[in-house]
N, C-alpha and C. Protein backbone atom coordinates (compact mmCIF):
# COMPACT_ATOMS: atom_id res chain seq x y z
N UNK A 1 0.82 -1.19 0.00
CA UNK A 1 0.00 0.00 0.00
C UNK A 1 0.87 1.25 0.00
N UNK A 2 1.94 1.23 0.80
CA UNK A 2 2.84 2.38 0.86
C UNK A 2 3.49 2.63 -0.49
N UNK A 3 3.86 1.54 -1.20
CA UNK A 3 4.48 1.69 -2.51
C UNK A 3 3.52 2.33 -3.51
N UNK A 4 2.27 1.89 -3.49
CA UNK A 4 1.27 2.47 -4.40
C UNK A 4 1.08 3.95 -4.11
N UNK A 5 1.01 4.30 -2.84
CA UNK A 5 0.86 5.71 -2.46
C UNK A 5 2.07 6.51 -2.93
N UNK A 6 3.27 5.96 -2.72
CA UNK A 6 4.50 6.63 -3.12
C UNK A 6 4.53 6.82 -4.63
N UNK A 7 4.14 5.80 -5.38
CA UNK A 7 4.12 5.89 -6.83
C UNK A 7 3.16 6.98 -7.28
N UNK A 8 1.96 7.02 -6.72
CA UNK A 8 0.99 8.05 -7.08
C UNK A 8 1.55 9.43 -6.71
N UNK A 9 2.13 9.54 -5.52
CA UNK A 9 2.68 10.81 -5.07
C UNK A 9 3.78 11.30 -6.01
N UNK A 10 4.60 10.37 -6.52
CA UNK A 10 5.67 10.74 -7.44
C UNK A 10 5.15 11.10 -8.83
N UNK A 11 4.06 10.48 -9.24
CA UNK A 11 3.53 10.72 -10.57
C UNK A 11 2.63 11.95 -10.67
N UNK A 12 2.08 12.39 -9.58
CA UNK A 12 1.13 13.52 -9.61
C UNK A 12 1.71 14.75 -10.32
N UNK A 13 2.94 15.17 -10.03
CA UNK A 13 3.47 16.33 -10.74
C UNK A 13 3.54 16.13 -12.26
N UNK A 14 3.89 14.91 -12.69
CA UNK A 14 3.97 14.64 -14.12
C UNK A 14 2.59 14.61 -14.76
N UNK A 15 1.63 14.03 -14.08
CA UNK A 15 0.26 14.00 -14.60
C UNK A 15 -0.31 15.41 -14.67
N UNK A 16 -0.05 16.21 -13.66
CA UNK A 16 -0.53 17.59 -13.66
C UNK A 16 0.12 18.36 -14.80
N UNK A 17 1.42 18.14 -15.01
CA UNK A 17 2.12 18.81 -16.09
C UNK A 17 1.54 18.41 -17.44
N UNK A 18 1.26 17.12 -17.63
CA UNK A 18 0.68 16.64 -18.89
C UNK A 18 -0.68 17.27 -19.12
N UNK A 19 -1.45 17.44 -18.05
CA UNK A 19 -2.78 18.04 -18.16
C UNK A 19 -2.68 19.51 -18.55
N UNK A 20 -1.55 20.16 -18.21
CA UNK A 20 -1.36 21.57 -18.51
C UNK A 20 -0.92 21.81 -19.95
N UNK A 21 -0.54 20.77 -20.67
CA UNK A 21 -0.08 20.94 -22.04
C UNK A 21 -1.26 21.32 -22.93
N UNK A 22 -0.97 22.12 -23.93
CA UNK A 22 -1.99 22.51 -24.91
C UNK A 22 -2.17 21.38 -25.92
N UNK A 23 -3.25 21.46 -26.68
CA UNK A 23 -3.46 20.49 -27.75
C UNK A 23 -2.28 20.51 -28.72
N UNK A 24 -1.79 21.70 -29.05
CA UNK A 24 -0.65 21.82 -29.96
C UNK A 24 0.56 21.05 -29.42
N UNK A 25 0.82 21.15 -28.13
CA UNK A 25 1.96 20.45 -27.54
C UNK A 25 1.74 18.94 -27.54
N UNK A 26 0.53 18.51 -27.29
CA UNK A 26 0.23 17.07 -27.35
C UNK A 26 0.37 16.53 -28.77
N UNK A 27 -0.10 17.30 -29.74
CA UNK A 27 0.01 16.91 -31.14
C UNK A 27 1.48 16.81 -31.54
N UNK A 28 2.26 17.82 -31.18
CA UNK A 28 3.68 17.80 -31.51
C UNK A 28 4.37 16.60 -30.86
N UNK A 29 3.99 16.28 -29.65
CA UNK A 29 4.60 15.12 -28.98
C UNK A 29 4.29 13.83 -29.73
N UNK A 30 3.06 13.68 -30.20
CA UNK A 30 2.70 12.47 -30.96
C UNK A 30 3.53 12.37 -32.24
N UNK A 31 3.71 13.50 -32.92
CA UNK A 31 4.49 13.50 -34.16
C UNK A 31 5.97 13.24 -33.84
N UNK A 32 6.48 13.83 -32.78
CA UNK A 32 7.86 13.56 -32.37
C UNK A 32 8.04 12.10 -31.97
N UNK A 33 7.06 11.53 -31.30
CA UNK A 33 7.14 10.10 -30.97
C UNK A 33 7.27 9.27 -32.24
N UNK A 34 6.51 9.62 -33.25
CA UNK A 34 6.53 8.91 -34.53
C UNK A 34 7.91 8.99 -35.18
N UNK A 35 8.46 10.19 -35.33
CA UNK A 35 9.71 10.34 -36.06
C UNK A 35 10.92 9.99 -35.20
N UNK A 36 10.93 10.43 -33.95
CA UNK A 36 12.10 10.18 -33.11
C UNK A 36 12.20 8.72 -32.69
N UNK A 37 11.09 8.00 -32.69
CA UNK A 37 11.16 6.56 -32.40
C UNK A 37 11.92 5.84 -33.51
N UNK A 38 11.88 6.39 -34.71
CA UNK A 38 12.66 5.82 -35.80
C UNK A 38 14.14 6.19 -35.66
N UNK A 39 14.41 7.41 -35.23
CA UNK A 39 15.80 7.83 -35.01
C UNK A 39 16.45 7.00 -33.90
N UNK A 40 15.71 6.72 -32.84
CA UNK A 40 16.27 6.11 -31.63
C UNK A 40 15.95 4.62 -31.49
N UNK A 41 15.33 4.02 -32.49
CA UNK A 41 14.94 2.61 -32.45
C UNK A 41 14.15 2.30 -31.17
N UNK A 42 13.01 2.99 -31.03
CA UNK A 42 12.21 2.91 -29.81
C UNK A 42 10.75 2.61 -30.15
N UNK A 43 10.38 1.33 -30.27
CA UNK A 43 9.01 0.98 -30.65
C UNK A 43 7.96 1.40 -29.62
N UNK A 44 8.33 1.53 -28.35
CA UNK A 44 7.36 1.98 -27.35
C UNK A 44 6.93 3.41 -27.60
N UNK A 45 7.87 4.22 -28.03
CA UNK A 45 7.52 5.61 -28.37
C UNK A 45 6.63 5.65 -29.61
N UNK A 46 6.94 4.81 -30.58
CA UNK A 46 6.10 4.75 -31.78
C UNK A 46 4.68 4.38 -31.37
N UNK A 47 4.53 3.36 -30.53
CA UNK A 47 3.21 2.91 -30.09
C UNK A 47 2.46 4.01 -29.37
N UNK A 48 3.17 4.85 -28.64
CA UNK A 48 2.51 5.95 -27.91
C UNK A 48 1.94 6.99 -28.88
N UNK A 49 2.59 7.17 -30.03
CA UNK A 49 2.17 8.24 -30.95
C UNK A 49 1.16 7.84 -32.00
N UNK A 50 1.03 6.54 -32.28
CA UNK A 50 0.14 6.13 -33.38
C UNK A 50 -1.03 5.30 -32.87
N UNK A 51 -2.10 5.34 -33.63
CA UNK A 51 -3.29 4.55 -33.32
C UNK A 51 -3.12 3.13 -33.87
N UNK A 52 -3.68 2.13 -33.18
CA UNK A 52 -3.58 0.74 -33.67
C UNK A 52 -4.20 0.52 -35.06
N UNK A 53 -5.06 1.43 -35.50
CA UNK A 53 -5.65 1.30 -36.84
C UNK A 53 -4.93 2.16 -37.87
N UNK A 54 -3.71 2.58 -37.56
CA UNK A 54 -2.93 3.44 -38.45
C UNK A 54 -2.95 2.92 -39.89
N UNK A 55 -3.11 3.87 -40.82
CA UNK A 55 -2.97 3.58 -42.25
C UNK A 55 -1.95 4.57 -42.80
N UNK A 56 -0.79 4.06 -43.18
CA UNK A 56 0.27 4.88 -43.77
C UNK A 56 0.40 4.46 -45.22
N UNK A 57 0.42 5.44 -46.12
CA UNK A 57 0.41 5.11 -47.55
C UNK A 57 1.37 6.00 -48.33
N UNK A 58 1.84 5.45 -49.44
CA UNK A 58 2.56 6.22 -50.44
C UNK A 58 2.32 5.58 -51.79
N UNK A 59 2.53 6.36 -52.84
CA UNK A 59 2.44 5.79 -54.18
C UNK A 59 3.84 5.30 -54.57
N UNK A 60 3.88 4.33 -55.46
CA UNK A 60 5.15 3.74 -55.86
C UNK A 60 5.07 3.36 -57.32
N UNK A 61 6.18 3.34 -57.97
CA UNK A 61 6.21 2.93 -59.38
C UNK A 61 6.94 1.61 -59.48
N UNK A 62 6.29 0.65 -60.11
CA UNK A 62 6.90 -0.66 -60.33
C UNK A 62 7.96 -0.54 -61.43
N UNK A 63 8.82 -1.52 -61.53
CA UNK A 63 9.87 -1.52 -62.54
C UNK A 63 9.29 -1.43 -63.95
N UNK A 64 8.07 -1.96 -64.14
CA UNK A 64 7.43 -1.92 -65.46
C UNK A 64 6.76 -0.58 -65.75
N UNK A 65 6.83 0.37 -64.81
CA UNK A 65 6.25 1.70 -65.00
C UNK A 65 4.87 1.88 -64.42
N UNK A 66 4.22 0.80 -64.03
CA UNK A 66 2.88 0.93 -63.44
C UNK A 66 2.99 1.50 -62.03
N UNK A 67 1.95 2.18 -61.62
CA UNK A 67 1.93 2.82 -60.31
C UNK A 67 1.01 2.05 -59.36
N UNK A 68 1.38 2.00 -58.10
CA UNK A 68 0.55 1.34 -57.10
C UNK A 68 0.74 2.03 -55.76
N UNK A 69 -0.10 1.69 -54.80
CA UNK A 69 -0.03 2.26 -53.46
C UNK A 69 0.57 1.24 -52.51
N UNK A 70 1.53 1.70 -51.70
CA UNK A 70 2.10 0.87 -50.65
C UNK A 70 1.38 1.24 -49.35
N UNK A 71 0.85 0.24 -48.67
CA UNK A 71 0.17 0.43 -47.39
C UNK A 71 1.05 -0.10 -46.26
N UNK A 72 1.17 0.67 -45.20
CA UNK A 72 1.92 0.28 -44.01
C UNK A 72 1.00 0.42 -42.82
N UNK A 73 1.00 -0.57 -41.91
CA UNK A 73 0.09 -0.53 -40.77
C UNK A 73 0.85 -0.36 -39.45
N UNK A 74 0.13 -0.40 -38.38
CA UNK A 74 0.65 -0.22 -37.02
C UNK A 74 1.78 -1.20 -36.71
N UNK A 75 1.56 -2.48 -36.96
CA UNK A 75 2.58 -3.49 -36.64
C UNK A 75 3.86 -3.25 -37.45
N UNK A 76 3.70 -2.88 -38.72
CA UNK A 76 4.88 -2.61 -39.55
C UNK A 76 5.64 -1.40 -39.03
N UNK A 77 4.93 -0.38 -38.53
CA UNK A 77 5.61 0.80 -38.02
C UNK A 77 6.34 0.50 -36.71
N UNK A 78 5.79 -0.40 -35.89
CA UNK A 78 6.52 -0.81 -34.68
C UNK A 78 7.81 -1.54 -35.07
N UNK A 79 7.72 -2.35 -36.13
CA UNK A 79 8.90 -3.05 -36.62
C UNK A 79 9.92 -2.06 -37.18
N UNK A 80 9.45 -1.05 -37.90
CA UNK A 80 10.35 0.00 -38.41
C UNK A 80 11.05 0.68 -37.24
N UNK A 81 10.28 1.06 -36.23
CA UNK A 81 10.87 1.74 -35.06
C UNK A 81 11.90 0.85 -34.37
N UNK A 82 11.65 -0.42 -34.33
CA UNK A 82 12.55 -1.36 -33.65
C UNK A 82 13.83 -1.62 -34.45
N UNK A 83 13.71 -1.69 -35.79
CA UNK A 83 14.82 -2.21 -36.60
C UNK A 83 15.47 -1.25 -37.59
N UNK A 84 14.74 -0.26 -38.10
CA UNK A 84 15.24 0.54 -39.22
C UNK A 84 16.57 1.22 -38.90
N UNK A 85 16.68 1.78 -37.71
CA UNK A 85 17.91 2.50 -37.35
C UNK A 85 18.62 1.83 -36.17
N UNK A 86 18.50 0.53 -36.10
CA UNK A 86 19.09 -0.22 -34.99
C UNK A 86 20.60 0.03 -34.85
N UNK A 87 21.29 0.17 -35.98
CA UNK A 87 22.74 0.39 -35.93
C UNK A 87 23.12 1.87 -35.86
N UNK A 88 22.12 2.76 -35.89
CA UNK A 88 22.38 4.19 -35.73
C UNK A 88 22.98 4.89 -36.93
N UNK A 89 22.86 4.29 -38.12
CA UNK A 89 23.49 4.89 -39.31
C UNK A 89 22.49 5.44 -40.34
N UNK A 90 21.21 5.34 -40.08
CA UNK A 90 20.20 5.72 -41.08
C UNK A 90 19.87 7.21 -41.11
N UNK A 91 20.26 7.94 -40.07
CA UNK A 91 19.93 9.36 -39.99
C UNK A 91 21.18 10.17 -39.68
N UNK A 92 21.19 11.46 -40.06
CA UNK A 92 22.33 12.30 -39.68
C UNK A 92 22.38 12.51 -38.16
N UNK A 93 23.49 13.02 -37.67
CA UNK A 93 23.66 13.25 -36.22
C UNK A 93 22.56 14.15 -35.66
N UNK A 94 22.13 15.11 -36.45
CA UNK A 94 21.05 16.01 -36.04
C UNK A 94 19.97 15.98 -37.12
N UNK A 95 19.08 15.01 -37.05
CA UNK A 95 18.06 14.84 -38.09
C UNK A 95 17.14 16.06 -38.19
N UNK A 96 16.67 16.31 -39.40
CA UNK A 96 15.71 17.38 -39.65
C UNK A 96 14.33 16.92 -39.18
N UNK A 97 13.71 17.73 -38.34
CA UNK A 97 12.34 17.47 -37.89
C UNK A 97 11.62 18.82 -37.88
N UNK A 98 10.85 19.06 -38.90
CA UNK A 98 10.09 20.31 -39.02
C UNK A 98 8.61 19.95 -38.96
N UNK A 99 7.96 20.31 -37.87
CA UNK A 99 6.55 19.96 -37.65
C UNK A 99 5.70 21.22 -37.82
N UNK A 100 4.75 21.17 -38.74
CA UNK A 100 3.81 22.28 -38.91
C UNK A 100 2.40 21.77 -38.71
N UNK A 101 1.75 22.29 -37.69
CA UNK A 101 0.34 21.94 -37.47
C UNK A 101 -0.47 22.81 -38.42
N UNK A 102 -1.13 22.18 -39.36
CA UNK A 102 -1.87 22.91 -40.39
C UNK A 102 -3.26 23.31 -39.93
N UNK A 103 -3.89 22.45 -39.10
CA UNK A 103 -5.25 22.75 -38.64
C UNK A 103 -5.59 21.87 -37.45
N UNK A 104 -6.32 22.45 -36.52
CA UNK A 104 -6.91 21.72 -35.40
C UNK A 104 -8.37 22.14 -35.31
N UNK A 105 -9.26 21.17 -35.23
CA UNK A 105 -10.67 21.45 -35.03
C UNK A 105 -11.20 20.47 -33.99
N UNK A 106 -11.24 20.92 -32.77
CA UNK A 106 -11.71 20.15 -31.62
C UNK A 106 -10.90 18.87 -31.41
N UNK A 107 -11.32 17.77 -32.01
CA UNK A 107 -10.64 16.49 -31.75
C UNK A 107 -9.94 15.92 -32.98
N UNK A 108 -9.76 16.71 -34.02
CA UNK A 108 -9.02 16.26 -35.20
C UNK A 108 -8.00 17.33 -35.59
N UNK A 109 -6.90 16.87 -36.20
CA UNK A 109 -5.85 17.79 -36.61
C UNK A 109 -5.14 17.25 -37.86
N UNK A 110 -4.54 18.17 -38.60
CA UNK A 110 -3.73 17.84 -39.76
C UNK A 110 -2.34 18.46 -39.56
N UNK A 111 -1.31 17.65 -39.81
CA UNK A 111 0.07 18.07 -39.56
C UNK A 111 0.92 17.73 -40.78
N UNK A 112 1.89 18.60 -41.06
CA UNK A 112 2.90 18.33 -42.09
C UNK A 112 4.24 18.16 -41.39
N UNK A 113 4.88 17.02 -41.62
CA UNK A 113 6.19 16.73 -41.07
C UNK A 113 7.20 16.67 -42.20
N UNK A 114 8.19 17.55 -42.15
CA UNK A 114 9.32 17.49 -43.07
C UNK A 114 10.47 16.85 -42.34
N UNK A 115 10.92 15.72 -42.82
CA UNK A 115 12.06 15.03 -42.23
C UNK A 115 13.20 15.09 -43.26
N UNK A 116 14.30 14.44 -42.95
CA UNK A 116 15.48 14.55 -43.80
C UNK A 116 15.20 14.21 -45.26
N UNK A 117 14.63 13.06 -45.51
CA UNK A 117 14.48 12.61 -46.88
C UNK A 117 13.04 12.53 -47.36
N UNK A 118 12.08 12.79 -46.49
CA UNK A 118 10.69 12.64 -46.90
C UNK A 118 9.79 13.65 -46.20
N UNK A 119 8.56 13.63 -46.64
CA UNK A 119 7.52 14.48 -46.08
C UNK A 119 6.33 13.58 -45.72
N UNK A 120 5.71 13.86 -44.59
CA UNK A 120 4.52 13.14 -44.15
C UNK A 120 3.39 14.14 -43.93
N UNK A 121 2.23 13.86 -44.48
CA UNK A 121 1.00 14.57 -44.11
C UNK A 121 0.24 13.63 -43.20
N UNK A 122 -0.12 14.13 -42.03
CA UNK A 122 -0.71 13.28 -41.00
C UNK A 122 -2.07 13.79 -40.55
N UNK A 123 -2.93 12.84 -40.23
CA UNK A 123 -4.20 13.15 -39.55
C UNK A 123 -4.12 12.55 -38.16
N UNK A 124 -4.51 13.33 -37.18
CA UNK A 124 -4.53 12.88 -35.79
C UNK A 124 -5.93 13.09 -35.22
N UNK A 125 -6.23 12.35 -34.18
CA UNK A 125 -7.47 12.55 -33.45
C UNK A 125 -7.16 12.51 -31.96
N UNK A 126 -8.03 13.11 -31.19
CA UNK A 126 -7.90 13.15 -29.74
C UNK A 126 -8.87 12.11 -29.17
N UNK A 127 -8.32 11.12 -28.47
CA UNK A 127 -9.18 10.05 -27.96
C UNK A 127 -9.85 10.43 -26.63
N UNK A 128 -10.61 9.52 -26.06
CA UNK A 128 -11.35 9.79 -24.81
C UNK A 128 -10.44 10.04 -23.61
N UNK A 129 -9.15 9.70 -23.75
CA UNK A 129 -8.18 9.92 -22.67
C UNK A 129 -7.39 11.20 -22.91
N UNK A 130 -7.86 12.01 -23.87
CA UNK A 130 -7.21 13.27 -24.26
C UNK A 130 -5.81 13.07 -24.84
N UNK A 131 -5.56 11.89 -25.41
CA UNK A 131 -4.29 11.61 -26.08
C UNK A 131 -4.48 11.84 -27.57
N UNK A 132 -3.55 12.52 -28.18
CA UNK A 132 -3.57 12.70 -29.62
C UNK A 132 -2.83 11.53 -30.27
N UNK A 133 -3.46 10.91 -31.27
CA UNK A 133 -2.90 9.74 -31.95
C UNK A 133 -2.91 9.97 -33.47
N UNK A 134 -1.85 9.53 -34.12
CA UNK A 134 -1.77 9.58 -35.58
C UNK A 134 -2.56 8.40 -36.13
N UNK A 135 -3.50 8.69 -37.01
CA UNK A 135 -4.34 7.62 -37.56
C UNK A 135 -4.11 7.44 -39.07
N UNK A 136 -3.69 8.51 -39.76
CA UNK A 136 -3.42 8.44 -41.20
C UNK A 136 -2.11 9.16 -41.51
N UNK A 137 -1.34 8.58 -42.42
CA UNK A 137 -0.12 9.23 -42.91
C UNK A 137 -0.06 9.01 -44.42
N UNK A 138 0.16 10.09 -45.16
CA UNK A 138 0.44 10.03 -46.59
C UNK A 138 1.83 10.62 -46.77
N UNK A 139 2.75 9.85 -47.35
CA UNK A 139 4.14 10.31 -47.42
C UNK A 139 4.72 10.15 -48.80
N UNK A 140 5.84 10.87 -49.01
CA UNK A 140 6.65 10.69 -50.21
C UNK A 140 8.06 11.17 -49.90
N UNK A 141 9.02 10.69 -50.69
CA UNK A 141 10.38 11.21 -50.62
C UNK A 141 10.38 12.62 -51.19
N UNK A 142 11.29 13.47 -50.73
CA UNK A 142 11.46 14.79 -51.36
C UNK A 142 11.88 14.59 -52.82
N UNK A 143 12.73 13.60 -53.06
CA UNK A 143 13.16 13.22 -54.40
C UNK A 143 12.28 12.06 -54.84
N UNK A 144 11.19 12.38 -55.53
CA UNK A 144 10.20 11.35 -55.88
C UNK A 144 10.73 10.32 -56.88
N UNK A 145 11.88 10.57 -57.48
CA UNK A 145 12.45 9.55 -58.38
C UNK A 145 12.92 8.33 -57.59
N UNK A 146 13.02 8.46 -56.27
CA UNK A 146 13.40 7.32 -55.42
C UNK A 146 12.24 6.35 -55.20
N UNK A 147 11.04 6.74 -55.56
CA UNK A 147 9.87 5.92 -55.30
C UNK A 147 9.60 4.98 -56.47
N UNK A 148 10.61 4.22 -56.80
CA UNK A 148 10.55 3.29 -57.92
C UNK A 148 11.19 1.98 -57.52
N UNK A 149 10.52 0.88 -57.83
CA UNK A 149 11.10 -0.43 -57.59
C UNK A 149 12.22 -0.68 -58.59
N UNK A 150 13.28 -1.30 -58.14
CA UNK A 150 14.41 -1.55 -59.01
C UNK A 150 14.27 -2.83 -59.83
N UNK A 151 13.42 -3.73 -59.39
CA UNK A 151 13.23 -5.00 -60.11
C UNK A 151 11.93 -5.00 -60.84
């Protein structure tokens, strides 16, 4: 019982601080969780920022010239966060993270994330626990000629 009381007593300042954050700050944190979890190989941070029904998409060109859409889901993004930068060589020492909140309307928001090599347009929603979660991402490389299959 004493441990539970101590834990609550220690967490109260952090919970109060989280409650004091603005929607903009919560939205930025969700987007930072998404991108920085890839920089730091941290799937728990990725899970905190995205919704389990996440739909991430981009267009791609097959080697034969036909175009198709690549779909990425929640589980794949956790795997990306866990493995993509595991050796620490996929990003520069100081990665570019430019977050622009384009619109907020009550419980929905649209954000543009410019990262080193790509751009993400994101839709977020505010759940019943007042957490902002990324539910949709549409992305492309800045150099769209990279969005081609080699085989």
